[in-house]
Protein backbone atom coordinates (compact mmCIF):
# COMPACT_ATOMS: atom_id res chain seq x y z
CA MET A 1 0.00 0.00 0.00
CA LYS A 2 1.24 3.35 -1.01
CA ALA A 3 0.43 6.57 0.73
CA ASP A 4 -0.30 9.71 -1.26
CA ARG A 5 0.83 13.14 -0.39
CA THR A 6 -2.65 14.16 0.38
CA ASP A 7 -2.91 11.50 3.08
CA ALA A 8 -0.26 13.19 5.26
CA PRO A 9 -1.29 15.70 7.92
CA GLU A 10 -1.05 19.33 6.99
CA TRP A 11 1.59 20.30 9.48
CA LEU A 12 3.99 17.87 7.79
CA THR A 13 3.25 18.87 4.24
CA SER A 14 3.18 22.62 4.60
CA ARG A 15 6.45 24.37 4.30
CA PRO A 16 7.53 26.39 7.30
CA ARG A 17 7.46 30.12 6.93
CA LYS A 18 10.85 31.72 6.66
CA ARG A 19 11.46 34.03 9.51
CA GLY A 20 13.83 36.88 8.99
CA ASN A 21 16.98 37.39 11.00
CA ALA A 22 15.37 40.36 12.68
CA GLY A 23 15.29 38.65 16.09
CA ALA A 24 19.03 37.90 16.02
CA ILE A 25 19.84 41.42 14.86
CA ILE A 26 17.74 43.01 17.60
CA ALA A 27 19.34 40.78 20.26
CA GLY A 28 22.84 41.67 19.02
CA VAL A 29 22.13 45.40 18.98
CA LEU A 30 20.66 45.31 22.49
CA GLY A 31 23.66 43.34 23.83
CA THR A 32 26.09 45.80 22.23
CA VAL A 33 24.29 48.83 23.68
CA VAL A 34 24.21 47.32 27.18
CA THR A 35 27.91 46.39 27.01
CA LEU A 36 28.98 49.82 25.78
CA GLY A 37 26.91 51.48 28.52
CA ALA A 38 28.54 49.33 31.21
CA LEU A 39 32.01 50.13 29.85
CA ASN A 40 31.20 53.85 29.80
CA VAL A 41 30.05 53.82 33.43
CA ALA A 42 33.13 51.87 34.53
CA GLY A 43 35.41 54.26 32.62
CA GLN A 44 33.85 57.30 34.23
CA ALA A 45 34.31 55.78 37.70
CA PHE A 46 37.93 54.91 36.90
CA LEU A 47 38.66 58.43 35.65
CA GLN A 48 37.17 60.02 38.77
CA THR A 49 39.32 57.91 41.08
CA THR A 50 42.38 58.63 38.92
CA VAL A 51 41.80 62.38 39.17
CA LYS A 52 41.43 62.08 42.96
CA ASN A 53 44.68 60.09 43.17
CA LEU A 54 46.51 62.65 41.05
CA ALA A 55 45.29 65.47 43.28
CA GLU A 56 46.49 63.62 46.38
CA ASN A 57 49.89 62.90 44.80
CA ARG A 58 50.52 66.58 44.10
CA GLN A 59 50.33 67.35 47.79
CA GLN A 60 53.09 64.89 48.74
CA PRO A 61 56.54 66.37 49.48
CA LYS A 62 59.42 65.78 47.11
CA PRO A 63 61.85 63.02 48.16
CA LYS A 64 65.34 63.90 49.40
CA LEU A 65 68.12 63.85 46.85
CA ILE A 66 70.44 60.88 47.09
CA ALA A 67 73.21 62.33 44.98
CA GLU A 68 73.80 65.57 43.18
CA ILE A 69 75.03 65.51 39.62
CA THR A 70 76.94 68.53 38.36
CA ARG A 71 78.51 69.13 35.02
CA ALA A 72 82.26 69.59 34.83
CA GLU A 73 83.72 72.89 33.73
CA PRO A 74 84.78 73.14 30.12
CA ALA A 75 88.41 72.13 29.63
CA ALA A 76 89.39 75.59 28.32
CA SER A 77 88.48 77.31 31.61
CA LYS A 78 90.62 75.05 33.83
CA ASP A 79 94.03 76.26 34.94
CA TRP A 80 96.01 73.08 34.48
CA GLN A 81 99.21 74.53 35.88
CA ARG A 82 97.51 75.37 39.20
CA ILE A 83 95.80 71.93 39.35
CA VAL A 84 99.12 70.11 38.80
CA GLU A 85 100.88 72.19 41.47
CA GLU A 86 98.10 71.47 44.00
CA GLN A 87 98.36 67.78 43.29
CA VAL A 88 102.15 67.85 43.72
CA ARG A 89 101.72 69.61 47.09
CA ARG A 90 99.13 67.03 48.18
CA ASP A 91 101.38 64.14 47.15
CA ALA A 92 104.38 65.63 48.95
CA MET A 93 102.51 65.82 52.27
CA PRO A 94 102.55 62.61 54.31
CA GLN A 95 99.01 61.35 54.52
CA GLN A 96 97.83 59.58 57.61
CA GLN A 97 94.69 57.74 56.84
CA PRO A 98 92.29 57.46 59.75
CA GLU A 99 91.55 53.95 60.87
CA GLN A 100 88.19 52.89 59.67
CA PRO A 101 86.33 50.43 61.87
CA THR A 102 85.27 47.23 60.20
CA GLY A 103 82.37 44.99 61.00
CA SER A 104 78.79 45.57 61.97
CA ASP A 105 79.61 47.97 64.87
CA SER A 106 80.78 50.62 62.40
CA SER A 107 79.38 54.02 63.32
CA ALA A 108 80.82 55.76 60.23
CA GLU A 109 78.26 57.03 57.75
CA LYS A 110 78.08 55.61 54.28
CA GLN A 111 79.62 57.78 51.58
CA THR A 112 76.95 59.16 49.29
CA VAL A 113 78.80 61.87 47.35
CA PHE A 114 81.62 60.89 45.02
CA ASN A 115 83.88 63.50 43.44
CA ASP A 116 87.57 64.37 43.00
CA GLU A 117 87.89 66.07 46.41
CA ASN A 118 86.87 63.04 48.48
CA TYR A 119 88.63 60.37 46.39
CA THR A 120 91.14 58.26 48.30
CA PRO A 121 93.24 55.96 46.12
CA ARG A 122 93.71 52.32 47.12
CA GLY A 123 96.59 50.06 46.36
CA ALA A 124 96.35 47.44 43.66
CA ASP A 125 94.30 44.37 44.50
CA ASN A 126 96.07 41.88 42.27
CA VAL A 127 99.74 42.34 43.23
CA LEU A 128 101.65 39.29 44.42
CA SER A 129 104.62 39.87 46.69
CA LEU A 130 107.21 37.10 46.74
CA GLY A 131 109.45 38.55 49.45
CA GLY A 132 110.61 35.66 51.64
CA SER A 133 107.32 33.88 52.02
CA TYR A 134 107.66 31.81 48.87
CA GLN A 135 108.79 28.22 49.35
CA PRO A 136 108.56 25.77 46.48
CA VAL A 137 106.51 22.66 47.05
CA GLU A 138 108.60 19.52 47.23
CA PRO A 139 107.50 16.69 44.96
CA GLU A 140 106.04 13.64 46.67
CA LYS A 141 108.53 10.95 47.54
CA PRO A 142 107.71 7.54 46.17
CA ALA A 143 106.49 5.09 48.77
CA GLY A 144 108.74 2.25 49.90
CA LYS A 145 108.67 -1.09 48.17
CA VAL A 146 105.38 -2.89 48.43
CA ARG A 147 105.43 -6.65 48.64
CA VAL A 148 102.79 -8.31 46.49
CA THR A 149 101.79 -11.91 47.05
CA VAL A 150 100.03 -13.68 44.20
CA ILE A 151 97.61 -16.24 45.52
CA LYS A 152 96.42 -17.82 42.29
CA GLU A 153 97.27 -16.99 38.73
CA THR A 154 95.45 -18.62 35.91
CA LYS A 155 95.01 -17.88 32.26
CA ASP A 156 91.80 -19.85 32.18
CA GLN A 157 89.92 -16.58 32.61
CA THR A 158 90.62 -15.67 28.98
CA CYS A 159 88.59 -18.60 27.61
CA TRP A 160 85.52 -18.04 29.81
CA PRO A 161 83.01 -16.99 27.12
CA LEU A 162 83.45 -20.27 25.28
CA LYS A 163 81.26 -23.25 26.20
CA GLU A 164 82.89 -25.83 28.46
CA GLY A 165 83.95 -28.87 26.45
CA SER A 166 83.61 -27.19 23.06
CA ILE A 167 86.24 -27.40 20.35
CA GLU A 168 86.78 -23.64 20.49
CA ARG A 169 87.49 -23.73 24.25
CA ARG A 170 89.90 -26.67 23.82
CA ASN A 171 91.69 -24.81 21.03
CA CYS A 172 91.89 -21.68 23.23
CA LYS A 173 93.36 -23.63 26.14
CA SER A 174 95.88 -25.39 23.94
CA TYR A 175 96.91 -22.05 22.42
CA LEU A 176 97.51 -20.58 25.90
CA GLY A 177 99.20 -23.75 27.17
CA LEU A 178 96.59 -24.60 29.80
CA GLN A 179 96.18 -28.29 28.97
CA ARG A 180 96.14 -30.49 32.07
């Protein structure tokens, strides 16, 4: 038995109406508007707190200077003759360096300004003095004679990988002179 098209119910035979994409477009537009509104409100709140923070930061005092940087005089304005003579006078005077305490109980302040006036030269760090303290290392003396006692010496160890009783093992033993 064959069924005709007319025998089917109407809801199966009728073609569904095509709906437009209007619903999806409206939902997308509404979502975009809500998102942009939320971002705008959050941005305004962020900007207001930023302005308040900037106003508070302006009232803070400036931090103390750690070091002062000054530019050197141009080379043409320096009196090199006077500078050399001062250095010669300073080198001619015997300098007694004050003892500086070492360790954690040091009450001296840490130097924070570095310039030519407060520079104190140090000696070289990598100089080796050989005055009297050098003694060459003597080579080790060989130990006295050691007596070695051989308990058992056999050459049978050389034929160990070969099977016991095989022709190869017998040939190996005869070659080494181990026949009994």
